[in-house]
Amino acid sequence: MLELSLSTPSEIVKRLCERLRTERLARQMTQAEVAARAGIGTNTVSNLESGRNVGFENVIRVAMVLGRAHELENLFMPKLDSLDDILRYENSSTRHRVRRKSGDA
């Protein structure tokens, strides 16, 4: 299990990009094959694997090609441990932006 709380964002990006490359190689795919199937350029795949210019949409495209999109779908799933958590989560979906008070800047 990856402990993210002690990592910097750039360290996390580096590890994820290394895993992306490892997954591609495990599936015996070239960068060009992944790029063609994802609808992105080969240079984009190369940049993703090296941690340069990592766009989230491109990460998702490559994850889909590698059969790992389901893991991203669970990325921000709510943690619902009790009935109170469920009710709070359901109520938050109807929440609206709080208006500023007249004296606030």
Protein backbone atom coordinates (compact mmCIF):
# COMPACT_ATOMS: atom_id res chain seq x y z
CA MET A 1 0.00 0.00 0.00
CA LEU A 2 1.28 3.42 -0.95
CA GLU A 3 1.47 5.86 1.98
CA LEU A 4 0.66 9.23 0.43
CA SER A 5 0.49 11.35 3.56
CA LEU A 6 4.29 11.60 3.78
CA SER A 7 4.86 12.31 0.08
CA THR A 8 5.02 15.51 -1.88
CA PRO A 9 2.77 15.89 -4.93
CA SER A 10 5.77 15.59 -7.25
CA GLU A 11 6.84 12.34 -5.56
CA ILE A 12 3.34 10.92 -6.02
CA VAL A 13 3.31 11.93 -9.69
CA LYS A 14 6.70 10.28 -10.18
CA ARG A 15 5.55 6.98 -8.62
CA LEU A 16 2.29 6.96 -10.57
CA CYS A 17 4.12 7.63 -13.83
CA GLU A 18 6.58 4.83 -13.09
CA ARG A 19 3.65 2.49 -12.47
CA LEU A 20 2.03 3.59 -15.73
CA ARG A 21 5.21 2.65 -17.62
CA THR A 22 5.49 -0.67 -15.78
CA GLU A 23 1.85 -1.49 -16.58
CA ARG A 24 2.38 -0.68 -20.26
CA LEU A 25 5.45 -2.90 -20.41
CA ALA A 26 3.66 -5.71 -18.56
CA ARG A 27 1.00 -5.61 -21.27
CA GLN A 28 3.81 -5.72 -23.87
CA MET A 29 2.61 -2.53 -25.53
CA THR A 30 4.75 0.15 -27.13
CA GLN A 31 4.26 3.81 -26.40
CA ALA A 32 3.01 4.21 -29.97
CA GLU A 33 0.36 1.50 -29.46
CA VAL A 34 -0.90 3.08 -26.25
CA ALA A 35 -0.90 6.52 -27.86
CA ALA A 36 -2.88 5.33 -30.88
CA ARG A 37 -5.48 3.56 -28.76
CA ALA A 38 -5.77 6.51 -26.33
CA GLY A 39 -6.05 9.08 -29.11
CA ILE A 40 -2.98 11.01 -27.97
CA GLY A 41 0.53 11.49 -29.35
CA THR A 42 3.47 9.20 -28.68
CA ASN A 43 5.33 12.17 -27.16
CA THR A 44 2.44 12.61 -24.72
CA VAL A 45 2.79 9.00 -23.53
CA SER A 46 6.54 9.49 -23.21
CA ASN A 47 6.00 12.69 -21.21
CA LEU A 48 3.46 10.97 -18.96
CA GLU A 49 5.84 8.12 -18.21
CA SER A 50 8.63 10.53 -17.34
CA GLY A 51 6.40 12.78 -15.23
CA ARG A 52 6.63 15.79 -17.54
CA ASN A 53 3.53 17.77 -18.47
CA VAL A 54 1.11 15.32 -16.87
CA GLY A 55 -2.46 16.23 -17.83
CA PHE A 56 -5.16 14.44 -15.88
CA GLU A 57 -7.30 13.73 -18.94
CA ASN A 58 -4.33 12.08 -20.65
CA VAL A 59 -3.66 9.96 -17.58
CA ILE A 60 -7.29 8.82 -17.71
CA ARG A 61 -7.06 8.01 -21.43
CA VAL A 62 -3.97 5.87 -20.89
CA ALA A 63 -5.49 4.21 -17.82
CA MET A 64 -8.51 3.27 -19.93
CA VAL A 65 -6.29 1.71 -22.60
CA LEU A 66 -4.42 -0.25 -19.93
CA GLY A 67 -7.65 -1.46 -18.34
CA ARG A 68 -7.17 0.49 -15.11
CA ALA A 69 -9.89 3.17 -15.37
CA HIS A 70 -11.97 1.53 -12.63
CA GLU A 71 -9.29 2.46 -10.12
CA LEU A 72 -9.59 6.11 -11.07
CA GLU A 73 -13.37 5.97 -10.80
CA ASN A 74 -12.90 5.15 -7.11
CA LEU A 75 -10.46 8.02 -6.53
CA PHE A 76 -12.80 10.42 -4.70
CA MET A 77 -15.48 8.02 -3.53
CA PRO A 78 -16.98 9.15 -0.24
CA LYS A 79 -16.03 7.35 2.93
CA LEU A 80 -19.38 6.28 4.34
CA ASP A 81 -18.96 4.47 7.64
CA SER A 82 -22.29 5.27 9.27
CA LEU A 83 -25.86 6.30 8.55
CA ASP A 84 -24.92 9.86 9.56
CA ASP A 85 -22.16 9.85 6.90
CA ILE A 86 -24.62 8.69 4.25
CA LEU A 87 -27.18 11.35 5.18
CA ARG A 88 -24.53 14.08 5.26
CA TYR A 89 -23.25 13.00 1.84
CA GLU A 90 -26.74 12.93 0.32
CA ASN A 91 -27.53 16.36 1.76
CA SER A 92 -24.27 17.84 0.47
CA SER A 93 -25.28 17.14 -3.12
CA THR A 94 -28.11 19.67 -2.78
CA ARG A 95 -26.00 22.24 -0.94
CA HIS A 96 -25.64 25.65 -2.52
CA ARG A 97 -22.93 28.24 -2.23
CA VAL A 98 -23.13 30.30 0.95
CA ARG A 99 -23.81 33.98 0.32
CA ARG A 100 -21.40 36.52 1.69
CA LYS A 101 -22.49 38.74 4.49
CA SER A 102 -22.65 42.42 3.59
CA GLY A 103 -19.61 43.31 5.72
CA ASP A 104 -17.28 40.61 4.26
CA ALA A 105 -14.63 41.57 1.71
